[in-house]
């Protein structure tokens, strides 16, 4: 890890803020899109997609220099497995991502005058959707570390564009994030997932991330010197 990495407390604040705004955006834009789309799910998904891609670009640009703007336990676990953050720091990141992400879901409900505490009844399950989540997360991890290897300054745009595309080419609409899967189980809105379906998504996401970590090692780690993905 580079010597000039900010202290853990500062990084956790960045991860908390990033997770809060990302999860609020995903859920809040889903609520807004569903309300305005007049029952047209394609139009609603366009609105949800555009807002998510936009906020990812902003958050990664703004917070990436502090914490890496991971906002995703799968990404934090891959970073720890590569020695880019410690396992202790990764555990702290994941706790903050979950807690502030759930707070973001509650904030979205509050803004739209909905019950603060909800449980989703939206079924999202089956082999096709699990495969979609594995592929979505695989592609996200590959995008992050592949872009970091060749054009690190392009990471915000690269990740935002990847997720924008993955909303549409995956059967699951690309959750690609265990923490947001948990948060989305706590909203009975357009973005929701039934709690009993969430574990299948999370397992698929972790499998996809693990496979991507192996591919990243094979593709991008044949190098001289220490060129691991910079945290800053």
C-alpha atoms as a PDB file:
ATOM      1  CA  UNK A   1       0.000   0.000   0.000  1.00  0.00           C
ATOM      2  CA  UNK A   2       1.426   3.431  -0.857  1.00  0.00           C
ATOM      3  CA  UNK A   3       2.883   5.408   2.042  1.00  0.00           C
ATOM      4  CA  UNK A   4       0.652   8.428   1.356  1.00  0.00           C
ATOM      5  CA  UNK A   5      -2.645   6.556   1.768  1.00  0.00           C
ATOM      6  CA  UNK A   6      -5.023   8.562   4.004  1.00  0.00           C
ATOM      7  CA  UNK A   7      -5.699   7.290   7.528  1.00  0.00           C
ATOM      8  CA  UNK A   8      -8.320   4.563   7.881  1.00  0.00           C
ATOM      9  CA  UNK A   9     -10.845   6.851   9.545  1.00  0.00           C
ATOM     10  CA  UNK A  10     -10.794   9.261   6.609  1.00  0.00           C
ATOM     11  CA  UNK A  11     -11.103   6.398   4.139  1.00  0.00           C
ATOM     12  CA  UNK A  12     -14.074   4.987   6.029  1.00  0.00           C
ATOM     13  CA  UNK A  13     -15.843   8.352   5.921  1.00  0.00           C
ATOM     14  CA  UNK A  14     -15.331   8.375   2.148  1.00  0.00           C
ATOM     15  CA  UNK A  15     -16.633   4.814   1.811  1.00  0.00           C
ATOM     16  CA  UNK A  16     -19.630   5.635   3.978  1.00  0.00           C
ATOM     17  CA  UNK A  17     -20.531   8.746   2.006  1.00  0.00           C
ATOM     18  CA  UNK A  18     -20.023   6.965  -1.291  1.00  0.00           C
ATOM     19  CA  UNK A  19     -22.159   3.997  -0.293  1.00  0.00           C
ATOM     20  CA  UNK A  20     -24.870   6.266   1.082  1.00  0.00           C
ATOM     21  CA  UNK A  21     -25.172   8.322  -2.095  1.00  0.00           C
ATOM     22  CA  UNK A  22     -24.800   5.359  -4.440  1.00  0.00           C
ATOM     23  CA  UNK A  23     -27.474   3.296  -2.714  1.00  0.00           C
ATOM     24  CA  UNK A  24     -29.766   6.310  -2.280  1.00  0.00           C
ATOM     25  CA  UNK A  25     -29.433   6.969  -5.997  1.00  0.00           C
ATOM     26  CA  UNK A  26     -30.130   3.395  -7.063  1.00  0.00           C
ATOM     27  CA  UNK A  27     -33.219   3.089  -4.884  1.00  0.00           C
ATOM     28  CA  UNK A  28     -34.443   6.691  -5.114  1.00  0.00           C
ATOM     29  CA  UNK A  29     -34.130   6.862  -8.901  1.00  0.00           C
ATOM     30  CA  UNK A  30     -35.982   3.550  -9.108  1.00  0.00           C
ATOM     31  CA  UNK A  31     -38.835   4.990  -7.066  1.00  0.00           C
ATOM     32  CA  UNK A  32     -38.923   8.156  -9.169  1.00  0.00           C
ATOM     33  CA  UNK A  33     -38.646   6.272 -12.443  1.00  0.00           C
ATOM     34  CA  UNK A  34     -41.447   3.868 -11.571  1.00  0.00           C
ATOM     35  CA  UNK A  35     -43.707   6.744 -10.535  1.00  0.00           C
ATOM     36  CA  UNK A  36     -43.140   8.648 -13.784  1.00  0.00           C
ATOM     37  CA  UNK A  37     -42.982   5.770 -16.270  1.00  0.00           C
ATOM     38  CA  UNK A  38     -46.693   5.002 -16.264  1.00  0.00           C
ATOM     39  CA  UNK A  39     -46.155   1.263 -15.966  1.00  0.00           C
ATOM     40  CA  UNK A  40     -43.535   1.086 -18.737  1.00  0.00           C
ATOM     41  CA  UNK A  41     -40.711  -0.898 -17.148  1.00  0.00           C
ATOM     42  CA  UNK A  42     -38.304  -0.169 -19.999  1.00  0.00           C
ATOM     43  CA  UNK A  43     -38.677   3.586 -19.476  1.00  0.00           C
ATOM     44  CA  UNK A  44     -38.297   3.119 -15.716  1.00  0.00           C
ATOM     45  CA  UNK A  45     -35.117   1.116 -16.203  1.00  0.00           C
ATOM     46  CA  UNK A  46     -33.683   3.810 -18.483  1.00  0.00           C
ATOM     47  CA  UNK A  47     -34.160   6.378 -15.721  1.00  0.00           C
ATOM     48  CA  UNK A  48     -32.709   4.066 -13.090  1.00  0.00           C
ATOM     49  CA  UNK A  49     -29.739   3.258 -15.319  1.00  0.00           C
ATOM     50  CA  UNK A  50     -28.901   6.853 -16.204  1.00  0.00           C
ATOM     51  CA  UNK A  51     -28.936   7.999 -12.588  1.00  0.00           C
ATOM     52  CA  UNK A  52     -26.785   5.085 -11.425  1.00  0.00           C
ATOM     53  CA  UNK A  53     -24.166   5.566 -14.120  1.00  0.00           C
ATOM     54  CA  UNK A  54     -24.018   9.309 -13.464  1.00  0.00           C
ATOM     55  CA  UNK A  55     -23.562   9.009  -9.697  1.00  0.00           C
ATOM     56  CA  UNK A  56     -20.895   6.337 -10.096  1.00  0.00           C
ATOM     57  CA  UNK A  57     -18.816   8.689 -12.248  1.00  0.00           C
ATOM     58  CA  UNK A  58     -19.183  11.508  -9.718  1.00  0.00           C
ATOM     59  CA  UNK A  59     -18.478   9.409  -6.622  1.00  0.00           C
ATOM     60  CA  UNK A  60     -15.447   7.597  -8.047  1.00  0.00           C
ATOM     61  CA  UNK A  61     -13.981  10.865  -9.327  1.00  0.00           C
ATOM     62  CA  UNK A  62     -14.544  12.594  -5.994  1.00  0.00           C
ATOM     63  CA  UNK A  63     -13.799   9.838  -3.483  1.00  0.00           C
ATOM     64  CA  UNK A  64     -11.454   7.553  -5.392  1.00  0.00           C
ATOM     65  CA  UNK A  65      -8.363   9.524  -4.349  1.00  0.00           C
ATOM     66  CA  UNK A  66      -9.290   8.987  -0.688  1.00  0.00           C
ATOM     67  CA  UNK A  67     -10.553   5.410  -0.310  1.00  0.00           C
ATOM     68  CA  UNK A  68     -10.574   3.999  -3.816  1.00  0.00           C
ATOM     69  CA  UNK A  69     -14.371   4.556  -3.853  1.00  0.00           C
ATOM     70  CA  UNK A  70     -14.953   0.820  -3.687  1.00  0.00           C
ATOM     71  CA  UNK A  71     -18.502   0.972  -2.241  1.00  0.00           C
ATOM     72  CA  UNK A  72     -18.747  -2.768  -2.826  1.00  0.00           C
ATOM     73  CA  UNK A  73     -17.677  -5.689  -0.597  1.00  0.00           C
ATOM     74  CA  UNK A  74     -16.740  -7.805  -3.621  1.00  0.00           C
ATOM     75  CA  UNK A  75     -14.320  -5.105  -4.791  1.00  0.00           C
ATOM     76  CA  UNK A  76     -12.905  -4.685  -1.272  1.00  0.00           C
ATOM     77  CA  UNK A  77     -12.309  -8.428  -0.973  1.00  0.00           C
ATOM     78  CA  UNK A  78     -10.492  -8.527  -4.304  1.00  0.00           C
ATOM     79  CA  UNK A  79      -8.379  -5.525  -3.271  1.00  0.00           C
ATOM     80  CA  UNK A  80      -7.459  -7.285  -0.019  1.00  0.00           C
ATOM     81  CA  UNK A  81      -6.614 -10.522  -1.834  1.00  0.00           C
ATOM     82  CA  UNK A  82      -4.190  -8.513  -3.991  1.00  0.00           C
ATOM     83  CA  UNK A  83      -2.548  -6.867  -1.003  1.00  0.00           C
ATOM     84  CA  UNK A  84      -3.784  -3.409  -1.955  1.00  0.00           C
ATOM     85  CA  UNK A  85      -5.577  -2.960   1.361  1.00  0.00           C
ATOM     86  CA  UNK A  86      -5.245  -5.066   4.503  1.00  0.00           C
ATOM     87  CA  UNK A  87      -7.860  -7.656   5.395  1.00  0.00           C
ATOM     88  CA  UNK A  88      -8.602  -5.649   8.550  1.00  0.00           C
ATOM     89  CA  UNK A  89      -9.253  -2.521   6.488  1.00  0.00           C
ATOM     90  CA  UNK A  90     -11.362  -4.522   4.026  1.00  0.00           C
ATOM     91  CA  UNK A  91     -13.532  -5.774   6.901  1.00  0.00           C
ATOM     92  CA  UNK A  92     -14.011  -2.204   8.110  1.00  0.00           C
ATOM     93  CA  UNK A  93     -14.841  -1.055   4.577  1.00  0.00           C
ATOM     94  CA  UNK A  94     -17.489  -3.773   4.245  1.00  0.00           C
ATOM     95  CA  UNK A  95     -19.186  -2.897   7.543  1.00  0.00           C
ATOM     96  CA  UNK A  96     -19.355   0.767   6.552  1.00  0.00           C
ATOM     97  CA  UNK A  97     -20.599  -0.068   3.052  1.00  0.00           C
ATOM     98  CA  UNK A  98     -23.434  -2.128   4.507  1.00  0.00           C
ATOM     99  CA  UNK A  99     -24.458   0.281   7.259  1.00  0.00           C
ATOM    100  CA  UNK A 100     -24.343   3.448   5.191  1.00  0.00           C
ATOM    101  CA  UNK A 101     -25.911   1.670   2.226  1.00  0.00           C
ATOM    102  CA  UNK A 102     -28.885   0.651   4.351  1.00  0.00           C
ATOM    103  CA  UNK A 103     -29.073   4.235   5.623  1.00  0.00           C
ATOM    104  CA  UNK A 104     -29.225   5.304   1.974  1.00  0.00           C
ATOM    105  CA  UNK A 105     -32.209   3.030   1.375  1.00  0.00           C
ATOM    106  CA  UNK A 106     -33.999   4.525   4.376  1.00  0.00           C
ATOM    107  CA  UNK A 107     -33.196   8.053   3.175  1.00  0.00           C
ATOM    108  CA  UNK A 108     -34.669   7.271  -0.247  1.00  0.00           C
ATOM    109  CA  UNK A 109     -37.888   6.101   1.399  1.00  0.00           C
ATOM    110  CA  UNK A 110     -37.999   9.228   3.563  1.00  0.00           C
ATOM    111  CA  UNK A 111     -37.588  11.549   0.572  1.00  0.00           C
ATOM    112  CA  UNK A 112     -40.534   9.939  -1.218  1.00  0.00           C
ATOM    113  CA  UNK A 113     -42.744   9.754   1.897  1.00  0.00           C
ATOM    114  CA  UNK A 114     -42.690   5.963   1.963  1.00  0.00           C
ATOM    115  CA  UNK A 115     -42.477   3.712   5.026  1.00  0.00           C
ATOM    116  CA  UNK A 116     -38.865   3.879   6.200  1.00  0.00           C
ATOM    117  CA  UNK A 117     -38.547   0.184   6.965  1.00  0.00           C
ATOM    118  CA  UNK A 118     -39.647  -2.161   4.195  1.00  0.00           C
ATOM    119  CA  UNK A 119     -39.100  -5.699   3.003  1.00  0.00           C
ATOM    120  CA  UNK A 120     -39.156  -6.384  -0.716  1.00  0.00           C
ATOM    121  CA  UNK A 121     -41.468  -8.985  -2.227  1.00  0.00           C
ATOM    122  CA  UNK A 122     -39.916  -8.740  -5.716  1.00  0.00           C
ATOM    123  CA  UNK A 123     -38.793 -12.199  -6.851  1.00  0.00           C
ATOM    124  CA  UNK A 124     -35.374 -12.314  -8.514  1.00  0.00           C
ATOM    125  CA  UNK A 125     -34.087 -15.849  -8.659  1.00  0.00           C
ATOM    126  CA  UNK A 126     -33.114 -18.725 -10.919  1.00  0.00           C
ATOM    127  CA  UNK A 127     -30.041 -19.924 -12.757  1.00  0.00           C
ATOM    128  CA  UNK A 128     -30.235 -17.278 -15.449  1.00  0.00           C
ATOM    129  CA  UNK A 129     -30.259 -14.404 -12.959  1.00  0.00           C
ATOM    130  CA  UNK A 130     -27.512 -15.983 -10.839  1.00  0.00           C
ATOM    131  CA  UNK A 131     -25.396 -16.332 -13.966  1.00  0.00           C
ATOM    132  CA  UNK A 132     -26.189 -12.718 -14.794  1.00  0.00           C
ATOM    133  CA  UNK A 133     -24.914 -11.618 -11.381  1.00  0.00           C
ATOM    134  CA  UNK A 134     -21.740 -13.696 -11.697  1.00  0.00           C
ATOM    135  CA  UNK A 135     -21.027 -12.214 -15.139  1.00  0.00           C
ATOM    136  CA  UNK A 136     -21.907  -8.682 -14.005  1.00  0.00           C
ATOM    137  CA  UNK A 137     -19.517  -8.843 -11.054  1.00  0.00           C
ATOM    138  CA  UNK A 138     -16.810 -10.587 -13.084  1.00  0.00           C
ATOM    139  CA  UNK A 139     -16.972  -7.795 -15.644  1.00  0.00           C
ATOM    140  CA  UNK A 140     -16.953  -5.069 -13.000  1.00  0.00           C
ATOM    141  CA  UNK A 141     -13.797  -6.397 -11.331  1.00  0.00           C
ATOM    142  CA  UNK A 142     -12.123  -6.870 -14.718  1.00  0.00           C
ATOM    143  CA  UNK A 143     -13.105  -3.322 -15.695  1.00  0.00           C
ATOM    144  CA  UNK A 144     -11.667  -1.793 -12.533  1.00  0.00           C
ATOM    145  CA  UNK A 145      -8.297  -3.514 -12.574  1.00  0.00           C
ATOM    146  CA  UNK A 146      -7.911  -3.610 -16.333  1.00  0.00           C
ATOM    147  CA  UNK A 147      -8.525   0.130 -16.585  1.00  0.00           C
ATOM    148  CA  UNK A 148      -6.242   0.743 -13.589  1.00  0.00           C
ATOM    149  CA  UNK A 149      -3.465  -1.079 -15.382  1.00  0.00           C
ATOM    150  CA  UNK A 150      -3.637   0.878 -18.635  1.00  0.00           C
ATOM    151  CA  UNK A 151      -5.551   4.140 -18.002  1.00  0.00           C
ATOM    152  CA  UNK A 152      -6.109   4.747 -14.282  1.00  0.00           C
ATOM    153  CA  UNK A 153      -7.439   8.238 -14.910  1.00  0.00           C
ATOM    154  CA  UNK A 154     -10.323   6.658 -16.854  1.00  0.00           C
ATOM    155  CA  UNK A 155     -11.584   4.469 -13.985  1.00  0.00           C
ATOM    156  CA  UNK A 156     -14.602   6.697 -13.127  1.00  0.00           C
ATOM    157  CA  UNK A 157     -15.866   6.734 -16.711  1.00  0.00           C
ATOM    158  CA  UNK A 158     -14.994   3.093 -17.320  1.00  0.00           C
ATOM    159  CA  UNK A 159     -16.878   1.809 -14.271  1.00  0.00           C
ATOM    160  CA  UNK A 160     -19.859   4.094 -14.840  1.00  0.00           C
ATOM    161  CA  UNK A 161     -20.162   3.020 -18.468  1.00  0.00           C
ATOM    162  CA  UNK A 162     -19.739  -0.656 -17.625  1.00  0.00           C
ATOM    163  CA  UNK A 163     -22.544  -0.591 -15.055  1.00  0.00           C
ATOM    164  CA  UNK A 164     -24.750   1.413 -17.444  1.00  0.00           C
ATOM    165  CA  UNK A 165     -24.292  -1.309 -20.046  1.00  0.00           C
ATOM    166  CA  UNK A 166     -24.623  -4.171 -17.564  1.00  0.00           C
ATOM    167  CA  UNK A 167     -28.027  -2.920 -16.396  1.00  0.00           C
ATOM    168  CA  UNK A 168     -29.192  -3.897 -19.875  1.00  0.00           C
ATOM    169  CA  UNK A 169     -27.135  -6.895 -20.984  1.00  0.00           C
ATOM    170  CA  UNK A 170     -27.557  -8.958 -17.795  1.00  0.00           C
ATOM    171  CA  UNK A 171     -30.754 -10.777 -16.879  1.00  0.00           C
ATOM    172  CA  UNK A 172     -30.470  -9.531 -13.295  1.00  0.00           C
ATOM    173  CA  UNK A 173     -29.963  -5.816 -14.168  1.00  0.00           C
ATOM    174  CA  UNK A 174     -26.492  -5.999 -12.640  1.00  0.00           C
ATOM    175  CA  UNK A 175     -26.566  -5.591  -8.877  1.00  0.00           C
ATOM    176  CA  UNK A 176     -22.885  -6.722  -8.893  1.00  0.00           C
ATOM    177  CA  UNK A 177     -22.524  -5.720  -5.228  1.00  0.00           C
ATOM    178  CA  UNK A 178     -23.353  -7.761  -2.099  1.00  0.00           C
ATOM    179  CA  UNK A 179     -23.994  -4.678   0.044  1.00  0.00           C
ATOM    180  CA  UNK A 180     -26.456  -3.137  -2.381  1.00  0.00           C
ATOM    181  CA  UNK A 181     -28.170  -6.518  -2.670  1.00  0.00           C
ATOM    182  CA  UNK A 182     -28.807  -6.407   1.077  1.00  0.00           C
ATOM    183  CA  UNK A 183     -30.012  -2.800   0.913  1.00  0.00           C
ATOM    184  CA  UNK A 184     -32.286  -3.556  -2.037  1.00  0.00           C
ATOM    185  CA  UNK A 185     -33.906  -6.375  -0.066  1.00  0.00           C
ATOM    186  CA  UNK A 186     -35.079  -3.639   2.315  1.00  0.00           C
ATOM    187  CA  UNK A 187     -37.057  -1.649  -0.264  1.00  0.00           C
ATOM    188  CA  UNK A 188     -40.369  -2.755  -1.713  1.00  0.00           C
ATOM    189  CA  UNK A 189     -39.867  -0.628  -4.815  1.00  0.00           C
ATOM    190  CA  UNK A 190     -38.666  -0.905  -8.416  1.00  0.00           C
ATOM    191  CA  UNK A 191     -35.101  -1.756  -7.322  1.00  0.00           C
ATOM    192  CA  UNK A 192     -36.047  -4.345  -4.708  1.00  0.00           C
ATOM    193  CA  UNK A 193     -35.185  -8.009  -4.311  1.00  0.00           C
ATOM    194  CA  UNK A 194     -36.977 -10.403  -1.978  1.00  0.00           C
ATOM    195  CA  UNK A 195     -34.756 -11.178   1.047  1.00  0.00           C
ATOM    196  CA  UNK A 196     -34.918 -14.932   0.427  1.00  0.00           C
ATOM    197  CA  UNK A 197     -33.550 -14.348  -3.091  1.00  0.00           C
ATOM    198  CA  UNK A 198     -30.647 -12.151  -1.949  1.00  0.00           C
ATOM    199  CA  UNK A 199     -28.300 -14.995  -0.805  1.00  0.00           C
ATOM    200  CA  UNK A 200     -28.289 -16.542  -4.286  1.00  0.00           C
ATOM    201  CA  UNK A 201     -27.295 -13.181  -5.785  1.00  0.00           C
ATOM    202  CA  UNK A 202     -24.555 -12.643  -3.197  1.00  0.00           C
ATOM    203  CA  UNK A 203     -23.025 -16.080  -3.756  1.00  0.00           C
ATOM    204  CA  UNK A 204     -23.043 -15.498  -7.523  1.00  0.00           C
ATOM    205  CA  UNK A 205     -21.416 -12.083  -7.068  1.00  0.00           C
ATOM    206  CA  UNK A 206     -18.626 -13.502  -4.911  1.00  0.00           C
ATOM    207  CA  UNK A 207     -17.997 -16.334  -7.363  1.00  0.00           C
ATOM    208  CA  UNK A 208     -17.828 -13.847 -10.239  1.00  0.00           C
ATOM    209  CA  UNK A 209     -15.436 -11.607  -8.295  1.00  0.00           C
ATOM    210  CA  UNK A 210     -13.161 -14.532  -7.387  1.00  0.00           C
ATOM    211  CA  UNK A 211     -12.976 -15.737 -10.981  1.00  0.00           C
ATOM    212  CA  UNK A 212     -12.264 -12.206 -12.170  1.00  0.00           C
ATOM    213  CA  UNK A 213      -9.446 -11.856  -9.644  1.00  0.00           C
ATOM    214  CA  UNK A 214      -7.777 -14.898 -11.199  1.00  0.00           C
ATOM    215  CA  UNK A 215      -8.192 -13.492 -14.706  1.00  0.00           C
ATOM    216  CA  UNK A 216      -6.846 -10.103 -13.599  1.00  0.00           C
ATOM    217  CA  UNK A 217      -3.771 -11.845 -12.222  1.00  0.00           C
ATOM    218  CA  UNK A 218      -3.265 -13.772 -15.463  1.00  0.00           C
ATOM    219  CA  UNK A 219      -3.836 -10.787 -17.778  1.00  0.00           C
ATOM    220  CA  UNK A 220      -2.440  -7.788 -15.972  1.00  0.00           C
ATOM    221  CA  UNK A 221       0.019  -8.918 -13.312  1.00  0.00           C
ATOM    222  CA  UNK A 222       2.877 -10.026 -15.584  1.00  0.00           C
ATOM    223  CA  UNK A 223       4.927  -6.933 -14.933  1.00  0.00           C
ATOM    224  CA  UNK A 224       8.164  -5.673 -13.509  1.00  0.00           C
ATOM    225  CA  UNK A 225       8.230  -3.693 -10.313  1.00  0.00           C
ATOM    226  CA  UNK A 226       5.302  -2.964  -8.053  1.00  0.00           C
ATOM    227  CA  UNK A 227       2.521  -1.727 -10.312  1.00  0.00           C
ATOM    228  CA  UNK A 228      -0.507  -2.946  -8.368  1.00  0.00           C
ATOM    229  CA  UNK A 229      -3.642  -0.862  -8.670  1.00  0.00           C
ATOM    230  CA  UNK A 230      -3.013   2.380  -6.753  1.00  0.00           C
ATOM    231  CA  UNK A 231      -5.427   3.140  -3.943  1.00  0.00           C
ATOM    232  CA  UNK A 232      -5.146   6.832  -4.806  1.00  0.00           C
END
